[in-house]
Amino acid sequence: MGREEILNHIQNNPDVSVLIIGGGINGIGTFRDLALQGVDVLLVEMNDFCSGASAGSSHMVHGGLRYLENGEFRLVREALTERNRLLQNAPHYVKPLPTTIPIFTAFSGMLNAPLKF
């Protein structure tokens, strides 16, 4: 179906179960989830998809390890869950990268860690 055919179809059949306004990461993610469930869903976007804030992405997916420093274990768990979901659902888009953790002395961080909690 081309653009004109799609627009004609929408004009002739305006009733949809869910209308999503905005094609950013949240709108597209919601659209995908609902469409996979078989829900009749329509997404409209003023510009190109992900042309706003989503277009400025660093394209990095991290496991939230930086939140360990402040003891935010809930955020680490949430970030790791999302990262694992992306690795499972879109292995062609994401891949693990090696991580280097600088350790300057044998005791670096041992004193800071308890103070953060």
C-alpha atoms as a PDB file:
ATOM      1  CA  MET A   1       0.000   0.000   0.000  1.00  0.00           C
ATOM      2  CA  GLY A   2       1.305   3.437  -0.898  1.00  0.00           C
ATOM      3  CA  ARG A   3       0.881   6.659   1.064  1.00  0.00           C
ATOM      4  CA  GLU A   4      -2.194   7.802  -0.884  1.00  0.00           C
ATOM      5  CA  GLU A   5      -3.891   4.431  -0.477  1.00  0.00           C
ATOM      6  CA  ILE A   6      -3.207   4.433   3.251  1.00  0.00           C
ATOM      7  CA  LEU A   7      -4.592   7.970   3.668  1.00  0.00           C
ATOM      8  CA  ASN A   8      -7.698   7.069   1.629  1.00  0.00           C
ATOM      9  CA  HIS A   9      -8.227   3.963   3.751  1.00  0.00           C
ATOM     10  CA  ILE A  10      -7.974   6.018   6.970  1.00  0.00           C
ATOM     11  CA  GLN A  11     -10.412   8.628   5.618  1.00  0.00           C
ATOM     12  CA  ASN A  12     -12.906   5.948   4.566  1.00  0.00           C
ATOM     13  CA  ASN A  13     -12.540   3.974   7.830  1.00  0.00           C
ATOM     14  CA  PRO A  14     -11.885   6.553  10.560  1.00  0.00           C
ATOM     15  CA  ASP A  15     -12.851   4.273  13.473  1.00  0.00           C
ATOM     16  CA  VAL A  16      -9.872   2.744  15.314  1.00  0.00           C
ATOM     17  CA  SER A  17      -9.611   1.228  18.771  1.00  0.00           C
ATOM     18  CA  VAL A  18      -6.564   3.296  19.756  1.00  0.00           C
ATOM     19  CA  LEU A  19      -5.208   6.547  18.307  1.00  0.00           C
ATOM     20  CA  ILE A  20      -1.630   7.410  19.245  1.00  0.00           C
ATOM     21  CA  ILE A  21      -0.520  10.993  18.672  1.00  0.00           C
ATOM     22  CA  GLY A  22       3.244  11.329  18.408  1.00  0.00           C
ATOM     23  CA  GLY A  23       5.794   9.036  16.814  1.00  0.00           C
ATOM     24  CA  GLY A  24       8.558   9.359  19.376  1.00  0.00           C
ATOM     25  CA  ILE A  25      10.041   6.388  21.166  1.00  0.00           C
ATOM     26  CA  ASN A  26       7.048   6.034  23.488  1.00  0.00           C
ATOM     27  CA  GLY A  27       4.485   6.373  20.714  1.00  0.00           C
ATOM     28  CA  ILE A  28       6.223   3.886  18.443  1.00  0.00           C
ATOM     29  CA  GLY A  29       6.826   1.458  21.303  1.00  0.00           C
ATOM     30  CA  THR A  30       3.166   1.613  22.312  1.00  0.00           C
ATOM     31  CA  PHE A  31       2.094   1.219  18.679  1.00  0.00           C
ATOM     32  CA  ARG A  32       4.305  -1.837  18.252  1.00  0.00           C
ATOM     33  CA  ASP A  33       3.093  -3.474  21.444  1.00  0.00           C
ATOM     34  CA  LEU A  34      -0.588  -2.935  20.618  1.00  0.00           C
ATOM     35  CA  ALA A  35      -0.187  -3.990  16.974  1.00  0.00           C
ATOM     36  CA  LEU A  36       1.533  -7.226  18.042  1.00  0.00           C
ATOM     37  CA  GLN A  37      -1.473  -7.913  20.264  1.00  0.00           C
ATOM     38  CA  GLY A  38      -3.809  -7.485  17.289  1.00  0.00           C
ATOM     39  CA  VAL A  39      -5.302  -4.186  18.464  1.00  0.00           C
ATOM     40  CA  ASP A  40      -6.579  -1.854  15.726  1.00  0.00           C
ATOM     41  CA  VAL A  41      -4.225   1.063  16.302  1.00  0.00           C
ATOM     42  CA  LEU A  42      -3.347   4.208  14.335  1.00  0.00           C
ATOM     43  CA  LEU A  43      -0.264   6.353  14.967  1.00  0.00           C
ATOM     44  CA  VAL A  44      -0.098   9.917  13.643  1.00  0.00           C
ATOM     45  CA  GLU A  45       2.984  12.117  13.667  1.00  0.00           C
ATOM     46  CA  MET A  46       3.389  15.731  12.565  1.00  0.00           C
ATOM     47  CA  ASN A  47       6.942  15.212  11.253  1.00  0.00           C
ATOM     48  CA  ASP A  48       9.089  12.190  10.527  1.00  0.00           C
ATOM     49  CA  PHE A  49       9.077   9.440  13.152  1.00  0.00           C
ATOM     50  CA  CYS A  50      11.534  10.092  15.983  1.00  0.00           C
ATOM     51  CA  SER A  51      12.382  13.526  14.608  1.00  0.00           C
ATOM     52  CA  GLY A  52      12.141  15.278  17.965  1.00  0.00           C
ATOM     53  CA  ALA A  53      14.000  14.356  21.123  1.00  0.00           C
ATOM     54  CA  SER A  54      14.268  10.732  20.043  1.00  0.00           C
ATOM     55  CA  ALA A  55      16.354  11.796  17.050  1.00  0.00           C
ATOM     56  CA  GLY A  56      19.056  13.069  19.403  1.00  0.00           C
ATOM     57  CA  SER A  57      19.697   9.635  20.902  1.00  0.00           C
ATOM     58  CA  SER A  58      23.253   8.513  21.540  1.00  0.00           C
ATOM     59  CA  HIS A  59      22.173   5.075  20.266  1.00  0.00           C
ATOM     60  CA  MET A  60      23.663   3.484  23.368  1.00  0.00           C
ATOM     61  CA  VAL A  61      21.911   0.931  25.528  1.00  0.00           C
ATOM     62  CA  HIS A  62      23.460   0.525  28.946  1.00  0.00           C
ATOM     63  CA  GLY A  63      22.794  -1.794  31.820  1.00  0.00           C
ATOM     64  CA  GLY A  64      22.583   0.966  34.403  1.00  0.00           C
ATOM     65  CA  LEU A  65      25.861   0.128  36.110  1.00  0.00           C
ATOM     66  CA  ARG A  66      26.484   3.805  36.760  1.00  0.00           C
ATOM     67  CA  TYR A  67      23.532   3.763  39.181  1.00  0.00           C
ATOM     68  CA  LEU A  68      25.386   1.298  41.422  1.00  0.00           C
ATOM     69  CA  GLU A  69      27.620   4.140  42.590  1.00  0.00           C
ATOM     70  CA  ASN A  70      24.661   5.785  44.327  1.00  0.00           C
ATOM     71  CA  GLY A  71      23.103   2.530  45.497  1.00  0.00           C
ATOM     72  CA  GLU A  72      20.091   2.840  43.170  1.00  0.00           C
ATOM     73  CA  PHE A  73      19.568  -0.903  42.781  1.00  0.00           C
ATOM     74  CA  ARG A  74      16.010  -0.562  41.488  1.00  0.00           C
ATOM     75  CA  LEU A  75      17.230   1.529  38.537  1.00  0.00           C
ATOM     76  CA  VAL A  76      20.047  -0.947  37.843  1.00  0.00           C
ATOM     77  CA  ARG A  77      17.588  -3.832  37.804  1.00  0.00           C
ATOM     78  CA  GLU A  78      15.176  -1.932  35.529  1.00  0.00           C
ATOM     79  CA  ALA A  79      17.949  -0.925  33.096  1.00  0.00           C
ATOM     80  CA  LEU A  80      19.339  -4.474  32.959  1.00  0.00           C
ATOM     81  CA  THR A  81      15.870  -5.904  32.349  1.00  0.00           C
ATOM     82  CA  GLU A  82      15.302  -3.508  29.446  1.00  0.00           C
ATOM     83  CA  ARG A  83      18.773  -4.172  28.053  1.00  0.00           C
ATOM     84  CA  ASN A  84      18.178  -7.929  28.156  1.00  0.00           C
ATOM     85  CA  ARG A  85      14.811  -7.462  26.484  1.00  0.00           C
ATOM     86  CA  LEU A  86      16.460  -5.520  23.662  1.00  0.00           C
ATOM     87  CA  LEU A  87      19.153  -8.187  23.284  1.00  0.00           C
ATOM     88  CA  GLN A  88      16.406 -10.796  22.974  1.00  0.00           C
ATOM     89  CA  ASN A  89      13.976  -8.867  20.741  1.00  0.00           C
ATOM     90  CA  ALA A  90      16.411  -6.967  18.531  1.00  0.00           C
ATOM     91  CA  PRO A  91      19.807  -8.696  18.446  1.00  0.00           C
ATOM     92  CA  HIS A  92      20.410  -7.131  15.035  1.00  0.00           C
ATOM     93  CA  TYR A  93      20.341  -3.654  16.638  1.00  0.00           C
ATOM     94  CA  VAL A  94      22.186  -4.153  19.912  1.00  0.00           C
ATOM     95  CA  LYS A  95      25.299  -6.048  20.925  1.00  0.00           C
ATOM     96  CA  PRO A  96      27.245  -6.199  24.172  1.00  0.00           C
ATOM     97  CA  LEU A  97      30.480  -4.222  24.308  1.00  0.00           C
ATOM     98  CA  PRO A  98      33.435  -4.992  26.537  1.00  0.00           C
ATOM     99  CA  THR A  99      33.568  -2.861  29.659  1.00  0.00           C
ATOM    100  CA  THR A 100      36.677  -1.501  31.321  1.00  0.00           C
ATOM    101  CA  ILE A 101      36.535  -0.547  34.959  1.00  0.00           C
ATOM    102  CA  PRO A 102      39.522   1.544  36.047  1.00  0.00           C
ATOM    103  CA  ILE A 103      40.991   0.513  39.373  1.00  0.00           C
ATOM    104  CA  PHE A 104      43.763   2.799  40.527  1.00  0.00           C
ATOM    105  CA  THR A 105      44.595   1.094  43.812  1.00  0.00           C
ATOM    106  CA  ALA A 106      43.625  -2.141  45.476  1.00  0.00           C
ATOM    107  CA  PHE A 107      41.398  -0.226  47.899  1.00  0.00           C
ATOM    108  CA  SER A 108      39.883   2.384  45.563  1.00  0.00           C
ATOM    109  CA  GLY A 109      36.177   2.487  46.137  1.00  0.00           C
ATOM    110  CA  MET A 110      36.204   0.339  49.258  1.00  0.00           C
ATOM    111  CA  LEU A 111      35.891   3.399  51.458  1.00  0.00           C
ATOM    112  CA  ASN A 112      33.572   5.344  49.132  1.00  0.00           C
ATOM    113  CA  ALA A 113      31.046   2.543  48.660  1.00  0.00           C
ATOM    114  CA  PRO A 114      29.886   2.275  52.310  1.00  0.00           C
ATOM    115  CA  LEU A 115      29.649   6.069  52.561  1.00  0.00           C
ATOM    116  CA  LYS A 116      27.186   6.135  49.621  1.00  0.00           C
ATOM    117  CA  PHE A 117      24.768   3.910  51.535  1.00  0.00           C
END
